[in-house]
Amino acid sequence: MGHERDMIGTISFAIAGAIVTFMPGVVLGLLGGQTKETLICGMGGAFVGVILSQIETHTPLSYCMGVGLIVGGIVGANYSALCYWRRLLVAETPS
């Protein structure tokens, strides 16, 4: 959440996040990011963030969950492209 824990701080933090993450989302979408993989990996990353915040007690839950969600979403968006590149490299490698 934002530094302020009231409703205005939360809403302004959400709007700022939407402004900052708009362009990376457009770029990843144009690179061929698939929605299903992005959502699954994003939720998995958020789940891992929740677990890590329970292990590391000094880090807030919202921070760990947010970082996990973003990293998981980026991994999911690039998953199909990485699989394609791997198949392409394996096909070009002489046996």
C-alpha atoms as a PDB file:
ATOM      1  CA  MET A   1       0.000   0.000   0.000  1.00  0.00           C
ATOM      2  CA  GLY A   2       0.977   3.619  -0.119  1.00  0.00           C
ATOM      3  CA  HIS A   3       2.768   5.426   2.661  1.00  0.00           C
ATOM      4  CA  GLU A   4      -0.555   6.757   3.859  1.00  0.00           C
ATOM      5  CA  ARG A   5      -2.964   4.083   5.058  1.00  0.00           C
ATOM      6  CA  ASP A   6      -6.130   6.050   4.382  1.00  0.00           C
ATOM      7  CA  MET A   7      -8.349   5.760   1.297  1.00  0.00           C
ATOM      8  CA  ILE A   8      -6.743   8.680  -0.582  1.00  0.00           C
ATOM      9  CA  GLY A   9      -3.240   7.249  -0.132  1.00  0.00           C
ATOM     10  CA  THR A  10      -4.345   3.834  -1.360  1.00  0.00           C
ATOM     11  CA  ILE A  11      -6.148   5.194  -4.413  1.00  0.00           C
ATOM     12  CA  SER A  12      -3.266   7.507  -5.376  1.00  0.00           C
ATOM     13  CA  PHE A  13      -0.803   4.617  -5.011  1.00  0.00           C
ATOM     14  CA  ALA A  14      -2.972   2.431  -7.285  1.00  0.00           C
ATOM     15  CA  ILE A  15      -3.242   5.198  -9.909  1.00  0.00           C
ATOM     16  CA  ALA A  16       0.528   5.776  -9.829  1.00  0.00           C
ATOM     17  CA  GLY A  17       1.133   2.051 -10.260  1.00  0.00           C
ATOM     18  CA  ALA A  18      -1.218   1.923 -13.246  1.00  0.00           C
ATOM     19  CA  ILE A  19       0.607   4.849 -14.873  1.00  0.00           C
ATOM     20  CA  VAL A  20       4.064   3.343 -14.317  1.00  0.00           C
ATOM     21  CA  THR A  21       3.218  -0.201 -15.448  1.00  0.00           C
ATOM     22  CA  PHE A  22       1.229   0.777 -18.550  1.00  0.00           C
ATOM     23  CA  MET A  23       4.139   0.943 -21.006  1.00  0.00           C
ATOM     24  CA  PRO A  24       5.850  -2.320 -19.900  1.00  0.00           C
ATOM     25  CA  GLY A  25       2.443  -3.991 -20.247  1.00  0.00           C
ATOM     26  CA  VAL A  26       2.051  -2.668 -23.788  1.00  0.00           C
ATOM     27  CA  VAL A  27       5.551  -3.831 -24.739  1.00  0.00           C
ATOM     28  CA  LEU A  28       5.051  -7.306 -23.254  1.00  0.00           C
ATOM     29  CA  GLY A  29       1.668  -7.578 -24.967  1.00  0.00           C
ATOM     30  CA  LEU A  30       3.172  -6.665 -28.336  1.00  0.00           C
ATOM     31  CA  LEU A  31       5.949  -9.210 -27.790  1.00  0.00           C
ATOM     32  CA  GLY A  32       3.296 -11.904 -27.652  1.00  0.00           C
ATOM     33  CA  GLY A  33       2.543 -12.328 -23.979  1.00  0.00           C
ATOM     34  CA  GLN A  34      -0.253 -14.832 -23.423  1.00  0.00           C
ATOM     35  CA  THR A  35      -2.942 -13.951 -20.903  1.00  0.00           C
ATOM     36  CA  LYS A  36      -3.374 -17.386 -19.374  1.00  0.00           C
ATOM     37  CA  GLU A  37       0.324 -17.889 -18.612  1.00  0.00           C
ATOM     38  CA  THR A  38       0.669 -14.306 -17.394  1.00  0.00           C
ATOM     39  CA  LEU A  39      -2.220 -14.615 -14.947  1.00  0.00           C
ATOM     40  CA  ILE A  40      -1.171 -18.045 -13.669  1.00  0.00           C
ATOM     41  CA  CYS A  41       2.449 -17.033 -13.125  1.00  0.00           C
ATOM     42  CA  GLY A  42       1.390 -13.697 -11.613  1.00  0.00           C
ATOM     43  CA  MET A  43      -0.841 -15.405  -9.068  1.00  0.00           C
ATOM     44  CA  GLY A  44       1.897 -17.952  -8.367  1.00  0.00           C
ATOM     45  CA  GLY A  45       4.358 -15.125  -7.794  1.00  0.00           C
ATOM     46  CA  ALA A  46       1.936 -13.384  -5.448  1.00  0.00           C
ATOM     47  CA  PHE A  47       1.502 -16.644  -3.513  1.00  0.00           C
ATOM     48  CA  VAL A  48       5.290 -17.042  -3.215  1.00  0.00           C
ATOM     49  CA  GLY A  49       5.467 -13.412  -2.040  1.00  0.00           C
ATOM     50  CA  VAL A  50       2.914 -14.140   0.704  1.00  0.00           C
ATOM     51  CA  ILE A  51       4.932 -17.162   1.853  1.00  0.00           C
ATOM     52  CA  LEU A  52       8.177 -15.168   1.842  1.00  0.00           C
ATOM     53  CA  SER A  53       6.604 -12.353   3.840  1.00  0.00           C
ATOM     54  CA  GLN A  54       5.592 -14.877   6.487  1.00  0.00           C
ATOM     55  CA  ILE A  55       9.153 -16.228   6.630  1.00  0.00           C
ATOM     56  CA  GLU A  56      10.827 -12.793   6.601  1.00  0.00           C
ATOM     57  CA  THR A  57       8.949 -10.887   9.285  1.00  0.00           C
ATOM     58  CA  HIS A  58      10.586  -7.485   8.647  1.00  0.00           C
ATOM     59  CA  THR A  59       9.163  -7.128   5.130  1.00  0.00           C
ATOM     60  CA  PRO A  60       5.521  -6.011   4.745  1.00  0.00           C
ATOM     61  CA  LEU A  61       3.056  -8.421   3.145  1.00  0.00           C
ATOM     62  CA  SER A  62       1.928  -5.917   0.510  1.00  0.00           C
ATOM     63  CA  TYR A  63       5.515  -5.327  -0.661  1.00  0.00           C
ATOM     64  CA  CYS A  64       6.380  -9.035  -0.995  1.00  0.00           C
ATOM     65  CA  MET A  65       3.079  -9.808  -2.675  1.00  0.00           C
ATOM     66  CA  GLY A  66       3.447  -6.912  -5.120  1.00  0.00           C
ATOM     67  CA  VAL A  67       6.985  -7.845  -6.108  1.00  0.00           C
ATOM     68  CA  GLY A  68       5.970 -11.491  -6.520  1.00  0.00           C
ATOM     69  CA  LEU A  69       2.985 -10.509  -8.657  1.00  0.00           C
ATOM     70  CA  ILE A  70       5.073  -8.310 -10.950  1.00  0.00           C
ATOM     71  CA  VAL A  71       7.938 -10.807 -11.349  1.00  0.00           C
ATOM     72  CA  GLY A  72       5.517 -13.696 -11.873  1.00  0.00           C
ATOM     73  CA  GLY A  73       3.583 -11.704 -14.466  1.00  0.00           C
ATOM     74  CA  ILE A  74       6.744 -10.838 -16.379  1.00  0.00           C
ATOM     75  CA  VAL A  75       7.854 -14.490 -16.342  1.00  0.00           C
ATOM     76  CA  GLY A  76       4.417 -15.598 -17.544  1.00  0.00           C
ATOM     77  CA  ALA A  77       4.317 -12.991 -20.301  1.00  0.00           C
ATOM     78  CA  ASN A  78       7.699 -14.103 -21.607  1.00  0.00           C
ATOM     79  CA  TYR A  79       7.098 -17.833 -21.187  1.00  0.00           C
ATOM     80  CA  SER A  80       5.669 -18.472 -24.660  1.00  0.00           C
ATOM     81  CA  ALA A  81       8.422 -16.442 -26.348  1.00  0.00           C
ATOM     82  CA  LEU A  82      11.130 -18.298 -24.428  1.00  0.00           C
ATOM     83  CA  CYS A  83       9.630 -21.672 -25.392  1.00  0.00           C
ATOM     84  CA  TYR A  84       9.517 -20.566 -29.040  1.00  0.00           C
ATOM     85  CA  TRP A  85      13.159 -19.464 -28.979  1.00  0.00           C
ATOM     86  CA  ARG A  86      14.172 -22.739 -27.339  1.00  0.00           C
ATOM     87  CA  ARG A  87      12.412 -24.779 -30.045  1.00  0.00           C
ATOM     88  CA  LEU A  88      14.021 -22.620 -32.701  1.00  0.00           C
ATOM     89  CA  LEU A  89      17.512 -23.112 -31.235  1.00  0.00           C
ATOM     90  CA  VAL A  90      17.028 -26.868 -30.846  1.00  0.00           C
ATOM     91  CA  ALA A  91      15.816 -27.137 -34.448  1.00  0.00           C
ATOM     92  CA  GLU A  92      18.899 -25.296 -35.747  1.00  0.00           C
ATOM     93  CA  THR A  93      21.391 -27.335 -33.723  1.00  0.00           C
ATOM     94  CA  PRO A  94      22.909 -30.169 -35.796  1.00  0.00           C
ATOM     95  CA  SER A  95      22.418 -33.609 -34.273  1.00  0.00           C
END
